[in-house]
Protein backbone atom coordinates (compact mmCIF):
# COMPACT_ATOMS: atom_id res chain seq x y z
CA UNK A 1 158.54 75.79 138.09
CA UNK A 2 156.39 78.17 140.30
CA UNK A 3 156.60 76.74 143.51
CA UNK A 4 160.63 76.57 143.54
CA UNK A 5 160.65 80.21 142.61
CA UNK A 6 158.70 80.96 145.38
CA UNK A 7 160.81 78.80 147.69
CA UNK A 8 163.78 80.81 146.19
CA UNK A 9 162.17 84.12 146.67
CA UNK A 10 161.33 83.76 150.78
CA UNK A 11 164.53 82.15 151.18
CA UNK A 12 166.98 84.83 150.28
CA UNK A 13 164.35 87.26 152.13
CA UNK A 14 164.67 84.83 155.11
CA UNK A 15 168.32 85.60 154.90
CA UNK A 16 168.77 89.02 155.16
CA UNK A 17 166.22 89.57 158.67
CA UNK A 18 167.96 88.61 162.03
CA UNK A 19 166.64 85.80 164.13
CA UNK A 20 165.83 88.04 166.81
CA UNK A 21 163.22 89.51 164.66
CA UNK A 22 162.22 86.70 162.95
CA UNK A 23 160.85 85.46 166.43
CA UNK A 24 159.06 88.62 167.56
CA UNK A 25 155.43 88.84 167.41
CA UNK A 26 154.89 91.60 165.33
CA UNK A 27 156.97 89.96 162.67
CA UNK A 28 155.35 87.17 162.32
CA UNK A 29 152.29 89.38 161.83
CA UNK A 30 153.36 92.17 159.27
CA UNK A 31 156.56 90.88 157.57
CA UNK A 32 155.72 87.31 156.62
CA UNK A 33 152.36 89.43 154.93
CA UNK A 34 154.63 92.17 152.94
CA UNK A 35 156.96 89.52 152.08
CA UNK A 36 154.49 87.43 150.52
CA UNK A 37 153.13 89.93 148.55
CA UNK A 38 156.43 90.98 147.42
CA UNK A 39 157.11 87.38 146.73
CA UNK A 40 153.43 87.20 144.37
CA UNK A 41 153.96 90.59 142.86
CA UNK A 42 157.44 89.23 141.32
CA UNK A 43 155.93 85.55 140.41
CA UNK A 44 152.90 87.67 138.56
CA UNK A 45 155.14 90.02 136.73
CA UNK A 46 157.17 87.40 135.22
CA UNK A 47 154.06 85.75 134.01
CA UNK A 48 152.33 88.87 132.99
CA UNK A 49 149.77 88.92 135.72
CA UNK A 50 148.48 92.02 137.65
CA UNK A 51 147.93 92.21 141.00
CA UNK A 52 145.28 94.10 142.68
CA UNK A 53 145.80 95.31 145.86
CA UNK A 54 142.93 96.50 147.84
CA UNK A 55 143.00 98.75 151.37
CA UNK A 56 143.06 96.24 154.36
CA UNK A 57 141.14 99.10 156.90
CA UNK A 58 137.61 98.14 158.44
CA UNK A 59 137.60 95.13 156.62
CA UNK A 60 137.47 93.11 160.01
CA UNK A 61 134.75 95.56 161.53
CA UNK A 62 132.29 96.02 158.90
CA UNK A 63 129.56 93.28 159.04
CA UNK A 64 129.75 91.61 155.24
CA UNK A 65 125.77 91.17 155.64
CA UNK A 66 124.75 94.53 156.88
CA UNK A 67 127.56 96.73 156.58
CA UNK A 68 127.55 97.74 160.14
CA UNK A 69 130.93 99.22 161.18
CA UNK A 70 131.48 97.25 164.93
CA UNK A 71 133.21 99.09 167.46
CA UNK A 72 134.42 95.92 169.30
CA UNK A 73 135.66 92.91 167.62
CA UNK A 74 136.75 89.30 169.39
CA UNK A 75 139.90 88.04 168.53
CA UNK A 76 138.72 85.23 166.25
CA UNK A 77 134.68 85.42 166.27
CA UNK A 78 132.95 88.04 164.36
CA UNK A 79 129.88 89.13 166.13
CA UNK A 80 127.75 92.17 164.20
CA UNK A 81 126.21 94.78 167.05
CA UNK A 82 123.51 95.19 164.50
CA UNK A 83 122.28 92.31 162.99
CA UNK A 84 123.88 89.61 165.52
CA UNK A 85 125.80 87.95 162.62
CA UNK A 86 128.61 85.36 164.01
CA UNK A 87 131.07 84.36 161.79
CA UNK A 88 134.54 83.84 162.33
CA UNK A 89 136.81 87.39 161.75
CA UNK A 90 139.26 86.17 159.09
CA UNK A 91 135.75 85.07 156.74
CA UNK A 92 134.06 87.99 157.71
CA UNK A 93 137.31 90.06 156.53
CA UNK A 94 137.93 87.98 153.45
CA UNK A 95 134.56 88.70 152.13
CA UNK A 96 134.70 92.11 152.73
CA UNK A 97 137.84 92.10 150.49
CA UNK A 98 135.88 90.11 148.11
CA UNK A 99 133.27 92.73 148.12
CA UNK A 100 135.54 95.60 147.72
CA UNK A 101 137.26 94.57 144.50
CA UNK A 102 133.84 93.93 142.64
CA UNK A 103 132.96 97.57 144.55
CA UNK A 104 135.02 100.15 144.44
CA UNK A 105 132.52 102.69 145.76
CA UNK A 106 132.20 100.29 149.09
CA UNK A 107 135.73 99.98 149.08
CA UNK A 108 136.26 103.75 149.63
CA UNK A 109 133.45 103.46 152.28
CA UNK A 110 134.76 101.14 154.46
CA UNK A 111 138.13 103.22 153.86
CA UNK A 112 136.54 106.41 155.55
CA UNK A 113 134.29 104.66 157.63
CA UNK A 114 134.22 106.12 160.91
CA UNK A 115 133.99 103.41 164.14
CA UNK A 116 130.87 103.67 165.98
């Protein structure tokens, strides 16, 4: 039942956007995430679930191990300039988002952390 609702929601969203926009790279990177979040919030509200949204600023730049804010990041690989830790960039961001959810002070610091 939930997957059917999600499918209907995403199909309805897809109809509203022009084909040329859907083919652009920016659309694929940003609009798809926004539409997913909208659908997720709608489904969660239907079942009385609260979706906790966190700021994603600096999640790919902060080392999950030593909290160093890296100036440079590669496209897919995260290599910390301070401790040398190497992980996939998406994995690093995921771990940081998880950490921010349990530590609001760390999340606030990350949002305001300056790039070194």
